[in-house]
Amino acid sequence: MSRVFQVIPKRIKRVNGTVLTPEMVVTVTTQTHTSSPFNNGAKEVQEAYMRLYNFDYKKAGCSVNDFEFRKLD
């Protein structure tokens, strides 16, 4: 069973030549039934940002504190 989340950046973040803005909203589906999309090392969140925005989550040093999320299911 999986869960669907909408992930929204809290503020503009400029680090290591990357830019994350509040308009860069993604919807992710987790592989397992979890309470947060950032469990499992935020793997699905990283993949969604790379696929949609070519934004490297790890290079920017992002963490759960940079984002808000809502359950959609």
C-alpha atoms as a PDB file:
ATOM      1  CA  MET A   1       0.000   0.000   0.000  1.00  0.00           C
ATOM      2  CA  SER A   2       1.360   3.403  -0.941  1.00  0.00           C
ATOM      3  CA  ARG A   3       0.629   6.998  -0.008  1.00  0.00           C
ATOM      4  CA  VAL A   4       0.473  10.166  -2.109  1.00  0.00           C
ATOM      5  CA  PHE A   5       1.940  13.446  -0.863  1.00  0.00           C
ATOM      6  CA  GLN A   6       2.249  16.982  -2.210  1.00  0.00           C
ATOM      7  CA  VAL A   7       5.668  18.447  -1.323  1.00  0.00           C
ATOM      8  CA  ILE A   8       6.068  22.248  -1.225  1.00  0.00           C
ATOM      9  CA  PRO A   9       9.328  24.152  -0.566  1.00  0.00           C
ATOM     10  CA  LYS A  10       8.980  26.651   2.312  1.00  0.00           C
ATOM     11  CA  ARG A  11      11.278  29.357   0.912  1.00  0.00           C
ATOM     12  CA  ILE A  12      13.774  30.209  -1.813  1.00  0.00           C
ATOM     13  CA  LYS A  13      17.045  28.336  -1.304  1.00  0.00           C
ATOM     14  CA  ARG A  14      20.187  29.036  -3.344  1.00  0.00           C
ATOM     15  CA  VAL A  15      23.056  26.596  -2.706  1.00  0.00           C
ATOM     16  CA  ASN A  16      25.900  25.220  -4.875  1.00  0.00           C
ATOM     17  CA  GLY A  17      24.539  26.740  -8.076  1.00  0.00           C
ATOM     18  CA  THR A  18      21.036  25.323  -7.556  1.00  0.00           C
ATOM     19  CA  VAL A  19      17.846  27.229  -6.820  1.00  0.00           C
ATOM     20  CA  LEU A  20      14.766  25.883  -5.044  1.00  0.00           C
ATOM     21  CA  THR A  21      11.654  28.082  -5.075  1.00  0.00           C
ATOM     22  CA  PRO A  22       8.188  27.725  -3.468  1.00  0.00           C
ATOM     23  CA  GLU A  23       6.695  27.306  -6.962  1.00  0.00           C
ATOM     24  CA  MET A  24       8.540  23.987  -7.402  1.00  0.00           C
ATOM     25  CA  VAL A  25       5.738  21.772  -6.061  1.00  0.00           C
ATOM     26  CA  VAL A  26       5.853  18.011  -6.668  1.00  0.00           C
ATOM     27  CA  THR A  27       3.459  15.152  -6.018  1.00  0.00           C
ATOM     28  CA  VAL A  28       5.096  11.904  -4.927  1.00  0.00           C
ATOM     29  CA  THR A  29       3.832   8.396  -4.297  1.00  0.00           C
ATOM     30  CA  THR A  30       5.763   6.457  -1.675  1.00  0.00           C
ATOM     31  CA  GLN A  31       6.475   2.763  -2.064  1.00  0.00           C
ATOM     32  CA  THR A  32       5.313   2.001   1.477  1.00  0.00           C
ATOM     33  CA  HIS A  33       2.547   3.178   3.780  1.00  0.00           C
ATOM     34  CA  THR A  34       4.366   5.963   5.697  1.00  0.00           C
ATOM     35  CA  SER A  35       3.456   9.153   7.513  1.00  0.00           C
ATOM     36  CA  SER A  36       6.080  11.252   5.697  1.00  0.00           C
ATOM     37  CA  PRO A  37       7.513  11.321   2.157  1.00  0.00           C
ATOM     38  CA  PHE A  38      10.946  11.925   3.724  1.00  0.00           C
ATOM     39  CA  ASN A  39      11.165   8.440   5.225  1.00  0.00           C
ATOM     40  CA  ASN A  40      13.416   6.089   3.263  1.00  0.00           C
ATOM     41  CA  GLY A  41      15.933   8.897   2.673  1.00  0.00           C
ATOM     42  CA  ALA A  42      13.424  10.983   0.651  1.00  0.00           C
ATOM     43  CA  LYS A  43      14.178   8.782  -2.371  1.00  0.00           C
ATOM     44  CA  GLU A  44      10.878   9.509  -4.130  1.00  0.00           C
ATOM     45  CA  VAL A  45      11.172  13.248  -3.430  1.00  0.00           C
ATOM     46  CA  GLN A  46      14.704  13.340  -4.876  1.00  0.00           C
ATOM     47  CA  GLU A  47      13.616  11.466  -8.000  1.00  0.00           C
ATOM     48  CA  ALA A  48      10.609  13.745  -8.555  1.00  0.00           C
ATOM     49  CA  TYR A  49      12.668  16.945  -8.285  1.00  0.00           C
ATOM     50  CA  MET A  50      15.326  15.590 -10.650  1.00  0.00           C
ATOM     51  CA  ARG A  51      12.736  14.418 -13.180  1.00  0.00           C
ATOM     52  CA  LEU A  52      10.524  17.536 -13.179  1.00  0.00           C
ATOM     53  CA  TYR A  53      12.942  20.391 -12.460  1.00  0.00           C
ATOM     54  CA  ASN A  54      16.434  18.918 -12.983  1.00  0.00           C
ATOM     55  CA  PHE A  55      17.054  19.957  -9.358  1.00  0.00           C
ATOM     56  CA  ASP A  56      19.629  17.955  -7.395  1.00  0.00           C
ATOM     57  CA  TYR A  57      18.227  17.552  -3.867  1.00  0.00           C
ATOM     58  CA  LYS A  58      21.513  16.219  -2.453  1.00  0.00           C
ATOM     59  CA  LYS A  59      23.735  18.841  -4.104  1.00  0.00           C
ATOM     60  CA  ALA A  60      21.547  21.580  -2.606  1.00  0.00           C
ATOM     61  CA  GLY A  61      21.815  19.991   0.841  1.00  0.00           C
ATOM     62  CA  CYS A  62      18.051  19.866   1.311  1.00  0.00           C
ATOM     63  CA  SER A  63      16.363  18.329   4.322  1.00  0.00           C
ATOM     64  CA  VAL A  64      12.839  17.810   5.636  1.00  0.00           C
ATOM     65  CA  ASN A  65      13.063  21.271   7.268  1.00  0.00           C
ATOM     66  CA  ASP A  66      13.089  22.948   3.834  1.00  0.00           C
ATOM     67  CA  PHE A  67       9.695  21.533   2.865  1.00  0.00           C
ATOM     68  CA  GLU A  68       6.059  21.282   3.881  1.00  0.00           C
ATOM     69  CA  PHE A  69       3.956  18.321   2.793  1.00  0.00           C
ATOM     70  CA  ARG A  70       0.292  17.300   2.681  1.00  0.00           C
ATOM     71  CA  LYS A  71      -1.264  13.871   2.373  1.00  0.00           C
ATOM     72  CA  LEU A  72      -3.471  13.643  -0.700  1.00  0.00           C
ATOM     73  CA  ASP A  73      -5.008  10.204  -0.112  1.00  0.00           C
END
